Amino acid sequence: AHRWLASGGQERDLMRLAGWRSSEMLERYGASAADQ
């Protein structure tokens, strides 16, 4: 998730690839990339 977002990948695409239905999971897994 970190590498995807840090490389400019779209959040909605990441949700589909990771199998998440909740944006809460996106926030949790994307925290490291958000800090960077």
Full PDB file with SEQRES, HELIX, SHEET, SSBOND, CRYST1, ORIGX, SCALE, CONECT and MASTER records, all heavy atoms in Angstrom:
SEQRES   1 A   36  ALA HIS ARG TRP LEU ALA SER GLY GLY GLN GLU ARG ASP          
SEQRES   2 A   36  LEU MET ARG LEU ALA GLY TRP ARG SER SER GLU MET LEU          
SEQRES   3 A   36  GLU ARG TYR GLY ALA SER ALA ALA ASP GLN                      
HELIX    1 AA1 HIS A    2  ALA A    6  1                                   5    
HELIX    2 AA2 GLU A   11  ALA A   18  1                                   8    
HELIX    3 AA3 SER A   23  TYR A   29  1                                   7    
HELIX    4 AA4 ALA A   31  ASP A   35  1                                   5    
CRYST1    1.000    1.000    1.000  90.00  90.00  90.00 P 1           1          
ORIGX1      1.000000  0.000000  0.000000        0.00000                         
ORIGX2      0.000000  1.000000  0.000000        0.00000                         
ORIGX3      0.000000  0.000000  1.000000        0.00000                         
SCALE1      1.000000  0.000000  0.000000        0.00000                         
SCALE2      0.000000  1.000000  0.000000        0.00000                         
SCALE3      0.000000  0.000000  1.000000        0.00000                         
ATOM      1  N   ALA A   1       0.831  -1.207   0.000  1.00  0.00           N  
ATOM      2  CA  ALA A   1       0.000   0.000   0.000  1.00  0.00           C  
ATOM      3  C   ALA A   1       0.866   1.257   0.000  1.00  0.00           C  
ATOM      4  O   ALA A   1       0.581   2.230  -0.706  1.00  0.00           O  
ATOM      5  CB  ALA A   1      -0.922  -0.008   1.220  1.00  0.00           C  
ATOM      6  N   HIS A   2       1.935   1.230   0.794  1.00  0.00           N  
ATOM      7  CA  HIS A   2       2.845   2.378   0.871  1.00  0.00           C  
ATOM      8  C   HIS A   2       3.479   2.672  -0.493  1.00  0.00           C  
ATOM      9  O   HIS A   2       3.485   3.819  -0.959  1.00  0.00           O  
ATOM     10  CB  HIS A   2       3.942   2.083   1.901  1.00  0.00           C  
ATOM     11  CG  HIS A   2       5.094   3.038   1.842  1.00  0.00           C  
ATOM     12  ND1 HIS A   2       5.040   4.302   2.407  1.00  0.00           N  
ATOM     13  CD2 HIS A   2       6.328   2.929   1.277  1.00  0.00           C  
ATOM     14  CE1 HIS A   2       6.182   4.920   2.187  1.00  0.00           C  
ATOM     15  NE2 HIS A   2       6.985   4.116   1.511  1.00  0.00           N  
ATOM     16  N   ARG A   3       4.013   1.634  -1.137  1.00  0.00           N  
ATOM     17  CA  ARG A   3       4.698   1.831  -2.414  1.00  0.00           C  
ATOM     18  C   ARG A   3       3.722   2.289  -3.492  1.00  0.00           C  
ATOM     19  O   ARG A   3       4.075   3.090  -4.362  1.00  0.00           O  
ATOM     20  CB  ARG A   3       5.394   0.532  -2.828  1.00  0.00           C  
ATOM     21  CG  ARG A   3       6.570   0.162  -1.929  1.00  0.00           C  
ATOM     22  CD  ARG A   3       7.001  -1.289  -2.128  1.00  0.00           C  
ATOM     23  NE  ARG A   3       7.598  -1.507  -3.434  1.00  0.00           N  
ATOM     24  CZ  ARG A   3       8.885  -1.310  -3.709  1.00  0.00           C  
ATOM     25  NH1 ARG A   3       9.704  -0.893  -2.762  1.00  0.00           N  
ATOM     26  NH2 ARG A   3       9.354  -1.554  -4.918  1.00  0.00           N  
ATOM     27  N   TRP A   4       2.490   1.776  -3.437  1.00  0.00           N  
ATOM     28  CA  TRP A   4       1.478   2.162  -4.417  1.00  0.00           C  
ATOM     29  C   TRP A   4       1.164   3.656  -4.303  1.00  0.00           C  
ATOM     30  O   TRP A   4       1.194   4.391  -5.297  1.00  0.00           O  
ATOM     31  CB  TRP A   4       0.208   1.336  -4.203  1.00  0.00           C  
ATOM     32  CG  TRP A   4      -0.911   1.722  -5.113  1.00  0.00           C  
ATOM     33  CD1 TRP A   4      -1.857   2.689  -4.907  1.00  0.00           C  
ATOM     34  CD2 TRP A   4      -1.196   1.171  -6.415  1.00  0.00           C  
ATOM     35  NE1 TRP A   4      -2.724   2.767  -5.983  1.00  0.00           N  
ATOM     36  CE2 TRP A   4      -2.331   1.854  -6.926  1.00  0.00           C  
ATOM     37  CE3 TRP A   4      -0.601   0.175  -7.181  1.00  0.00           C  
ATOM     38  CZ2 TRP A   4      -2.883   1.545  -8.160  1.00  0.00           C  
ATOM     39  CZ3 TRP A   4      -1.149  -0.125  -8.421  1.00  0.00           C  
ATOM     40  CH2 TRP A   4      -2.281   0.561  -8.898  1.00  0.00           C  
ATOM     41  N   LEU A   5       0.877   4.091  -3.076  1.00  0.00           N  
ATOM     42  CA  LEU A   5       0.499   5.491  -2.879  1.00  0.00           C  
ATOM     43  C   LEU A   5       1.698   6.425  -3.066  1.00  0.00           C  
ATOM     44  O   LEU A   5       1.554   7.519  -3.620  1.00  0.00           O  
ATOM     45  CB  LEU A   5      -0.093   5.663  -1.477  1.00  0.00           C  
ATOM     46  CG  LEU A   5      -1.430   4.948  -1.239  1.00  0.00           C  
ATOM     47  CD1 LEU A   5      -1.834   5.031   0.228  1.00  0.00           C  
ATOM     48  CD2 LEU A   5      -2.531   5.535  -2.129  1.00  0.00           C  
ATOM     49  N   ALA A   6       2.881   5.995  -2.603  1.00  0.00           N  
ATOM     50  CA  ALA A   6       4.070   6.833  -2.753  1.00  0.00           C  
ATOM     51  C   ALA A   6       4.449   7.010  -4.215  1.00  0.00           C  
ATOM     52  O   ALA A   6       5.081   8.008  -4.583  1.00  0.00           O  
ATOM     53  CB  ALA A   6       5.245   6.219  -1.985  1.00  0.00           C  
ATOM     54  N   SER A   7       4.037   6.060  -5.066  1.00  0.00           N  
ATOM     55  CA  SER A   7       4.332   6.146  -6.501  1.00  0.00           C  
ATOM     56  C   SER A   7       3.249   6.902  -7.264  1.00  0.00           C  
ATOM     57  O   SER A   7       3.306   6.989  -8.499  1.00  0.00           O  
ATOM     58  CB  SER A   7       4.495   4.740  -7.087  1.00  0.00           C  
ATOM     59  OG  SER A   7       5.597   4.079  -6.496  1.00  0.00           O  
ATOM     60  N   GLY A   8       2.260   7.429  -6.540  1.00  0.00           N  
ATOM     61  CA  GLY A   8       1.211   8.218  -7.171  1.00  0.00           C  
ATOM     62  C   GLY A   8      -0.018   7.427  -7.567  1.00  0.00           C  
ATOM     63  O   GLY A   8      -0.880   7.942  -8.292  1.00  0.00           O  
ATOM     64  N   GLY A   9      -0.131   6.176  -7.094  1.00  0.00           N  
ATOM     65  CA  GLY A   9      -1.308   5.364  -7.414  1.00  0.00           C  
ATOM     66  C   GLY A   9      -2.567   5.924  -6.779  1.00  0.00           C  
ATOM     67  O   GLY A   9      -2.514   6.562  -5.716  1.00  0.00           O  
ATOM     68  N   GLN A  10      -3.695   5.703  -7.429  1.00  0.00           N  
ATOM     69  CA  GLN A  10      -4.970   6.217  -6.933  1.00  0.00           C  
ATOM     70  C   GLN A  10      -5.476   5.383  -5.752  1.00  0.00           C  
ATOM     71  O   GLN A  10      -5.351   4.158  -5.735  1.00  0.00           O  
ATOM     72  CB  GLN A  10      -6.014   6.205  -8.050  1.00  0.00           C  
ATOM     73  CG  GLN A  10      -5.685   7.133  -9.206  1.00  0.00           C  
ATOM     74  CD  GLN A  10      -5.639   8.590  -8.766  1.00  0.00           C  
ATOM     75  OE1 GLN A  10      -6.579   9.098  -8.155  1.00  0.00           O  
ATOM     76  NE2 GLN A  10      -4.547   9.266  -9.084  1.00  0.00           N  
ATOM     77  N   GLU A  11      -6.071   6.068  -4.763  1.00  0.00           N  
ATOM     78  CA  GLU A  11      -6.547   5.383  -3.565  1.00  0.00           C  
ATOM     79  C   GLU A  11      -7.658   4.396  -3.881  1.00  0.00           C  
ATOM     80  O   GLU A  11      -7.696   3.289  -3.330  1.00  0.00           O  
ATOM     81  CB  GLU A  11      -7.018   6.410  -2.538  1.00  0.00           C  
ATOM     82  CG  GLU A  11      -5.884   7.266  -1.974  1.00  0.00           C  
ATOM     83  CD  GLU A  11      -6.358   8.226  -0.913  1.00  0.00           C  
ATOM     84  OE1 GLU A  11      -7.589   8.444  -0.812  1.00  0.00           O  
ATOM     85  OE2 GLU A  11      -5.503   8.762  -0.170  1.00  0.00           O  
ATOM     86  N   ARG A  12      -8.569   4.769  -4.779  1.00  0.00           N  
ATOM     87  CA  ARG A  12      -9.690   3.870  -5.104  1.00  0.00           C  
ATOM     88  C   ARG A  12      -9.192   2.614  -5.813  1.00  0.00           C  
ATOM     89  O   ARG A  12      -9.710   1.524  -5.605  1.00  0.00           O  
ATOM     90  CB  ARG A  12     -10.716   4.605  -5.983  1.00  0.00           C  
ATOM     91  CG  ARG A  12     -11.506   5.650  -5.225  1.00  0.00           C  
ATOM     92  CD  ARG A  12     -12.367   5.013  -4.148  1.00  0.00           C  
ATOM     93  NE  ARG A  12     -12.896   5.988  -3.203  1.00  0.00           N  
ATOM     94  CZ  ARG A  12     -13.611   5.686  -2.125  1.00  0.00           C  
ATOM     95  NH1 ARG A  12     -13.863   4.406  -1.869  1.00  0.00           N  
ATOM     96  NH2 ARG A  12     -14.030   6.627  -1.310  1.00  0.00           N  
ATOM     97  N   ASP A  13      -8.191   2.767  -6.639  1.00  0.00           N  
ATOM     98  CA  ASP A  13      -7.609   1.590  -7.297  1.00  0.00           C  
ATOM     99  C   ASP A  13      -6.975   0.668  -6.259  1.00  0.00           C  
ATOM    100  O   ASP A  13      -7.105  -0.558  -6.347  1.00  0.00           O  
ATOM    101  CB  ASP A  13      -6.549   2.024  -8.316  1.00  0.00           C  
ATOM    102  CG  ASP A  13      -7.154   2.729  -9.522  1.00  0.00           C  
ATOM    103  OD1 ASP A  13      -8.358   2.532  -9.778  1.00  0.00           O  
ATOM    104  OD2 ASP A  13      -6.421   3.468 -10.202  1.00  0.00           O  
ATOM    105  N   LEU A  14      -6.295   1.256  -5.283  1.00  0.00           N  
ATOM    106  CA  LEU A  14      -5.679   0.460  -4.229  1.00  0.00           C  
ATOM    107  C   LEU A  14      -6.742  -0.302  -3.442  1.00  0.00           C  
ATOM    108  O   LEU A  14      -6.545  -1.479  -3.092  1.00  0.00           O  
ATOM    109  CB  LEU A  14      -4.877   1.363  -3.291  1.00  0.00           C  
ATOM    110  CG  LEU A  14      -4.242   0.677  -2.071  1.00  0.00           C  
ATOM    111  CD1 LEU A  14      -3.295  -0.439  -2.491  1.00  0.00           C  
ATOM    112  CD2 LEU A  14      -3.516   1.702  -1.200  1.00  0.00           C  
ATOM    113  N   MET A  15      -7.856   0.330  -3.159  1.00  0.00           N  
ATOM    114  CA  MET A  15      -8.922  -0.338  -2.420  1.00  0.00           C  
ATOM    115  C   MET A  15      -9.409  -1.572  -3.165  1.00  0.00           C  
ATOM    116  O   MET A  15      -9.650  -2.626  -2.563  1.00  0.00           O  
ATOM    117  CB  MET A  15     -10.085   0.635  -2.168  1.00  0.00           C  
ATOM    118  CG  MET A  15      -9.789   1.674  -1.107  1.00  0.00           C  
ATOM    119  SD  MET A  15     -11.221   2.740  -0.751  1.00  0.00           S  
ATOM    120  CE  MET A  15     -12.376   1.543  -0.038  1.00  0.00           C  
ATOM    121  N   ARG A  16      -9.551  -1.465  -4.467  1.00  0.00           N  
ATOM    122  CA  ARG A  16     -10.020  -2.601  -5.265  1.00  0.00           C  
ATOM    123  C   ARG A  16      -8.970  -3.700  -5.307  1.00  0.00           C  
ATOM    124  O   ARG A  16      -9.296  -4.888  -5.187  1.00  0.00           O  
ATOM    125  CB  ARG A  16     -10.367  -2.145  -6.683  1.00  0.00           C  
ATOM    126  CG  ARG A  16     -11.566  -1.209  -6.759  1.00  0.00           C  
ATOM    127  CD  ARG A  16     -11.954  -0.929  -8.203  1.00  0.00           C  
ATOM    128  NE  ARG A  16     -12.448  -2.118  -8.870  1.00  0.00           N  
ATOM    129  CZ  ARG A  16     -13.704  -2.549  -8.812  1.00  0.00           C  
ATOM    130  NH1 ARG A  16     -14.590  -1.886  -8.094  1.00  0.00           N  
ATOM    131  NH2 ARG A  16     -14.082  -3.623  -9.466  1.00  0.00           N  
ATOM    132  N   LEU A  17      -7.708  -3.322  -5.473  1.00  0.00           N  
ATOM    133  CA  LEU A  17      -6.648  -4.318  -5.543  1.00  0.00           C  
ATOM    134  C   LEU A  17      -6.483  -5.049  -4.215  1.00  0.00           C  
ATOM    135  O   LEU A  17      -6.207  -6.253  -4.185  1.00  0.00           O  
ATOM    136  CB  LEU A  17      -5.326  -3.655  -5.933  1.00  0.00           C  
ATOM    137  CG  LEU A  17      -5.230  -3.107  -7.352  1.00  0.00           C  
ATOM    138  CD1 LEU A  17      -3.944  -2.312  -7.525  1.00  0.00           C  
ATOM    139  CD2 LEU A  17      -5.282  -4.245  -8.373  1.00  0.00           C  
ATOM    140  N   ALA A  18      -6.625  -4.325  -3.109  1.00  0.00           N  
ATOM    141  CA  ALA A  18      -6.413  -4.915  -1.791  1.00  0.00           C  
ATOM    142  C   ALA A  18      -7.653  -5.607  -1.250  1.00  0.00           C  
ATOM    143  O   ALA A  18      -7.573  -6.318  -0.244  1.00  0.00           O  
ATOM    144  CB  ALA A  18      -5.949  -3.836  -0.813  1.00  0.00           C  
ATOM    145  N   GLY A  19      -8.800  -5.407  -1.886  1.00  0.00           N  
ATOM    146  CA  GLY A  19     -10.022  -6.048  -1.407  1.00  0.00           C  
ATOM    147  C   GLY A  19     -10.639  -5.352  -0.214  1.00  0.00           C  
ATOM    148  O   GLY A  19     -11.255  -5.992   0.637  1.00  0.00           O  
ATOM    149  N   TRP A  20     -10.502  -4.027  -0.136  1.00  0.00           N  
ATOM    150  CA  TRP A  20     -11.078  -3.258   0.965  1.00  0.00           C  
ATOM    151  C   TRP A  20     -12.384  -2.623   0.519  1.00  0.00           C  
ATOM    152  O   TRP A  20     -12.482  -2.077  -0.580  1.00  0.00           O  
ATOM    153  CB  TRP A  20     -10.144  -2.141   1.411  1.00  0.00           C  
ATOM    154  CG  TRP A  20      -8.846  -2.614   1.970  1.00  0.00           C  
ATOM    155  CD1 TRP A  20      -8.629  -3.727   2.714  1.00  0.00           C  
ATOM    156  CD2 TRP A  20      -7.567  -1.977   1.825  1.00  0.00           C  
ATOM    157  NE1 TRP A  20      -7.311  -3.833   3.053  1.00  0.00           N  
ATOM    158  CE2 TRP A  20      -6.628  -2.774   2.520  1.00  0.00           C  
ATOM    159  CE3 TRP A  20      -7.125  -0.821   1.185  1.00  0.00           C  
ATOM    160  CZ2 TRP A  20      -5.280  -2.448   2.593  1.00  0.00           C  
ATOM    161  CZ3 TRP A  20      -5.787  -0.485   1.253  1.00  0.00           C  
ATOM    162  CH2 TRP A  20      -4.872  -1.293   1.956  1.00  0.00           C  
ATOM    163  N   ARG A  21     -13.361  -2.649   1.404  1.00  0.00           N  
ATOM    164  CA  ARG A  21     -14.628  -1.964   1.137  1.00  0.00           C  
ATOM    165  C   ARG A  21     -14.757  -0.695   1.969  1.00  0.00           C  
ATOM    166  O   ARG A  21     -15.659   0.103   1.743  1.00  0.00           O  
ATOM    167  CB  ARG A  21     -15.798  -2.893   1.428  1.00  0.00           C  
ATOM    168  CG  ARG A  21     -15.912  -4.047   0.430  1.00  0.00           C  
ATOM    169  CD  ARG A  21     -17.256  -4.712   0.503  1.00  0.00           C  
ATOM    170  NE  ARG A  21     -17.458  -5.643  -0.597  1.00  0.00           N  
ATOM    171  CZ  ARG A  21     -18.605  -6.275  -0.830  1.00  0.00           C  
ATOM    172  NH1 ARG A  21     -19.647  -6.084  -0.031  1.00  0.00           N  
ATOM    173  NH2 ARG A  21     -18.713  -7.106  -1.842  1.00  0.00           N  
ATOM    174  N   SER A  22     -13.879  -0.555   2.962  1.00  0.00           N  
ATOM    175  CA  SER A  22     -13.946   0.590   3.861  1.00  0.00           C  
ATOM    176  C   SER A  22     -12.729   1.477   3.677  1.00  0.00           C  
ATOM    177  O   SER A  22     -11.599   0.991   3.584  1.00  0.00           O  
ATOM    178  CB  SER A  22     -14.030   0.103   5.319  1.00  0.00           C  
ATOM    179  OG  SER A  22     -13.815   1.166   6.216  1.00  0.00           O  
ATOM    180  N   SER A  23     -12.954   2.787   3.653  1.00  0.00           N  
ATOM    181  CA  SER A  23     -11.835   3.727   3.548  1.00  0.00           C  
ATOM    182  C   SER A  23     -11.022   3.755   4.833  1.00  0.00           C  
ATOM    183  O   SER A  23      -9.889   4.250   4.854  1.00  0.00           O  
ATOM    184  CB  SER A  23     -12.353   5.135   3.236  1.00  0.00           C  
ATOM    185  OG  SER A  23     -13.271   5.563   4.236  1.00  0.00           O  
ATOM    186  N   GLU A  24     -11.589   3.204   5.924  1.00  0.00           N  
ATOM    187  CA  GLU A  24     -10.855   3.129   7.191  1.00  0.00           C  
ATOM    188  C   GLU A  24      -9.587   2.295   7.013  1.00  0.00           C  
ATOM    189  O   GLU A  24      -8.526   2.625   7.538  1.00  0.00           O  
ATOM    190  CB  GLU A  24     -11.738   2.510   8.274  1.00  0.00           C  
ATOM    191  CG  GLU A  24     -11.028   2.309   9.614  1.00  0.00           C  
ATOM    192  CD  GLU A  24     -11.877   1.575  10.622  1.00  0.00           C  
ATOM    193  OE1 GLU A  24     -13.075   1.363  10.347  1.00  0.00           O  
ATOM    194  OE2 GLU A  24     -11.352   1.194  11.686  1.00  0.00           O  
ATOM    195  N   MET A  25      -9.705   1.193   6.267  1.00  0.00           N  
ATOM    196  CA  MET A  25      -8.546   0.344   6.020  1.00  0.00           C  
ATOM    197  C   MET A  25      -7.521   1.074   5.162  1.00  0.00           C  
ATOM    198  O   MET A  25      -6.316   0.931   5.354  1.00  0.00           O  
ATOM    199  CB  MET A  25      -8.970  -0.957   5.345  1.00  0.00           C  
ATOM    200  CG  MET A  25      -9.903  -1.819   6.175  1.00  0.00           C  
ATOM    201  SD  MET A  25      -9.179  -2.260   7.771  1.00  0.00           S  
ATOM    202  CE  MET A  25      -7.799  -3.275   7.252  1.00  0.00           C  
ATOM    203  N   LEU A  26      -8.006   1.865   4.237  1.00  0.00           N  
ATOM    204  CA  LEU A  26      -7.106   2.640   3.379  1.00  0.00           C  
ATOM    205  C   LEU A  26      -6.285   3.614   4.217  1.00  0.00           C  
ATOM    206  O   LEU A  26      -5.080   3.763   4.020  1.00  0.00           O  
ATOM    207  CB  LEU A  26      -7.915   3.406   2.326  1.00  0.00           C  
ATOM    208  CG  LEU A  26      -7.124   4.278   1.359  1.00  0.00           C  
ATOM    209  CD1 LEU A  26      -6.216   3.431   0.499  1.00  0.00           C  
ATOM    210  CD2 LEU A  26      -8.084   5.083   0.474  1.00  0.00           C  
ATOM    211  N   GLU A  27      -6.927   4.260   5.174  1.00  0.00           N  
ATOM    212  CA  GLU A  27      -6.232   5.209   6.036  1.00  0.00           C  
ATOM    213  C   GLU A  27      -5.197   4.503   6.899  1.00  0.00           C  
ATOM    214  O   GLU A  27      -4.082   5.011   7.112  1.00  0.00           O  
ATOM    215  CB  GLU A  27      -7.238   5.950   6.920  1.00  0.00           C  
ATOM    216  CG  GLU A  27      -8.164   6.878   6.137  1.00  0.00           C  
ATOM    217  CD  GLU A  27      -9.262   7.463   7.013  1.00  0.00           C  
ATOM    218  OE1 GLU A  27      -9.217   7.227   8.238  1.00  0.00           O  
ATOM    219  OE2 GLU A  27     -10.150   8.145   6.476  1.00  0.00           O  
ATOM    220  N   ARG A  28      -5.558   3.327   7.407  1.00  0.00           N  
ATOM    221  CA  ARG A  28      -4.640   2.591   8.276  1.00  0.00           C  
ATOM    222  C   ARG A  28      -3.417   2.120   7.509  1.00  0.00           C  
ATOM    223  O   ARG A  28      -2.286   2.271   7.953  1.00  0.00           O  
ATOM    224  CB  ARG A  28      -5.356   1.389   8.907  1.00  0.00           C  
ATOM    225  CG  ARG A  28      -4.500   0.617   9.897  1.00  0.00           C  
ATOM    226  CD  ARG A  28      -5.206  -0.637  10.373  1.00  0.00           C  
ATOM    227  NE  ARG A  28      -6.529  -0.352  10.893  1.00  0.00           N  
ATOM    228  CZ  ARG A  28      -7.393  -1.303  11.259  1.00  0.00           C  
ATOM    229  NH1 ARG A  28      -7.073  -2.581  11.113  1.00  0.00           N  
ATOM    230  NH2 ARG A  28      -8.574  -0.990  11.739  1.00  0.00           N  
ATOM    231  N   TYR A  29      -3.648   1.545   6.329  1.00  0.00           N  
ATOM    232  CA  TYR A  29      -2.544   1.009   5.559  1.00  0.00           C  
ATOM    233  C   TYR A  29      -1.763   2.094   4.827  1.00  0.00           C  
ATOM    234  O   TYR A  29      -0.609   1.886   4.474  1.00  0.00           O  
ATOM    235  CB  TYR A  29      -3.055  -0.025   4.549  1.00  0.00           C  
ATOM    236  CG  TYR A  29      -3.295  -1.385   5.144  1.00  0.00           C  
ATOM    237  CD1 TYR A  29      -4.441  -1.660   5.864  1.00  0.00           C  
ATOM    238  CD2 TYR A  29      -2.356  -2.399   5.005  1.00  0.00           C  
ATOM    239  CE1 TYR A  29      -4.659  -2.914   6.418  1.00  0.00           C  
ATOM    240  CE2 TYR A  29      -2.566  -3.655   5.550  1.00  0.00           C  
ATOM    241  CZ  TYR A  29      -3.722  -3.900   6.258  1.00  0.00           C  
ATOM    242  OH  TYR A  29      -3.937  -5.138   6.813  1.00  0.00           O  
ATOM    243  N   GLY A  30      -2.390   3.222   4.608  1.00  0.00           N  
ATOM    244  CA  GLY A  30      -1.709   4.288   3.876  1.00  0.00           C  
ATOM    245  C   GLY A  30      -1.032   5.303   4.759  1.00  0.00           C  
ATOM    246  O   GLY A  30      -0.498   6.293   4.267  1.00  0.00           O  
ATOM    247  N   ALA A  31      -1.013   5.044   6.076  1.00  0.00           N  
ATOM    248  CA  ALA A  31      -0.460   6.035   7.007  1.00  0.00           C  
ATOM    249  C   ALA A  31       1.006   6.319   6.729  1.00  0.00           C  
ATOM    250  O   ALA A  31       1.448   7.473   6.747  1.00  0.00           O  
ATOM    251  CB  ALA A  31      -0.642   5.551   8.454  1.00  0.00           C  
ATOM    252  N   SER A  32       1.786   5.274   6.460  1.00  0.00           N  
ATOM    253  CA  SER A  32       3.219   5.467   6.222  1.00  0.00           C  
ATOM    254  C   SER A  32       3.452   6.321   4.980  1.00  0.00           C  
ATOM    255  O   SER A  32       4.293   7.225   4.975  1.00  0.00           O  
ATOM    256  CB  SER A  32       3.913   4.111   6.066  1.00  0.00           C  
ATOM    257  OG  SER A  32       3.808   3.359   7.257  1.00  0.00           O  
ATOM    258  N   ALA A  33       2.708   6.036   3.909  1.00  0.00           N  
ATOM    259  CA  ALA A  33       2.861   6.805   2.679  1.00  0.00           C  
ATOM    260  C   ALA A  33       2.394   8.240   2.880  1.00  0.00           C  
ATOM    261  O   ALA A  33       2.984   9.181   2.335  1.00  0.00           O  
ATOM    262  CB  ALA A  33       2.068   6.142   1.546  1.00  0.00           C  
ATOM    263  N   ALA A  34       1.346   8.429   3.686  1.00  0.00           N  
ATOM    264  CA  ALA A  34       0.851   9.783   3.936  1.00  0.00           C  
ATOM    265  C   ALA A  34       1.896  10.606   4.672  1.00  0.00           C  
ATOM    266  O   ALA A  34       2.102  11.790   4.375  1.00  0.00           O  
ATOM    267  CB  ALA A  34      -0.441   9.714   4.745  1.00  0.00           C  
ATOM    268  N   ASP A  35       2.561   9.997   5.640  1.00  0.00           N  
ATOM    269  CA  ASP A  35       3.617  10.706   6.368  1.00  0.00           C  
ATOM    270  C   ASP A  35       4.749  11.088   5.425  1.00  0.00           C  
ATOM    271  O   ASP A  35       5.282  12.205   5.490  1.00  0.00           O  
ATOM    272  CB  ASP A  35       4.167   9.815   7.495  1.00  0.00           C  
ATOM    273  CG  ASP A  35       3.176   9.633   8.635  1.00  0.00           C  
ATOM    274  OD1 ASP A  35       2.209  10.409   8.684  1.00  0.00           O  
ATOM    275  OD2 ASP A  35       3.370   8.721   9.456  1.00  0.00           O  
ATOM    276  N   GLN A  36       5.130  10.183   4.541  1.00  0.00           N  
ATOM    277  CA  GLN A  36       6.219  10.462   3.607  1.00  0.00           C  
ATOM    278  C   GLN A  36       5.833  11.571   2.641  1.00  0.00           C  
ATOM    279  O   GLN A  36       6.635  12.468   2.351  1.00  0.00           O  
ATOM    280  CB  GLN A  36       6.581   9.204   2.823  1.00  0.00           C  
ATOM    281  CG  GLN A  36       7.698   9.429   1.795  1.00  0.00           C  
ATOM    282  CD  GLN A  36       8.140   8.143   1.133  1.00  0.00           C  
ATOM    283  OE1 GLN A  36       8.467   7.176   1.788  1.00  0.00           O  
ATOM    284  NE2 GLN A  36       8.118   8.122  -0.194  1.00  0.00           N  
TER     285      GLN A  36                                                      
MASTER        0    0    0    4    0    0    0    6  284    1    0    3          
END                                                                             
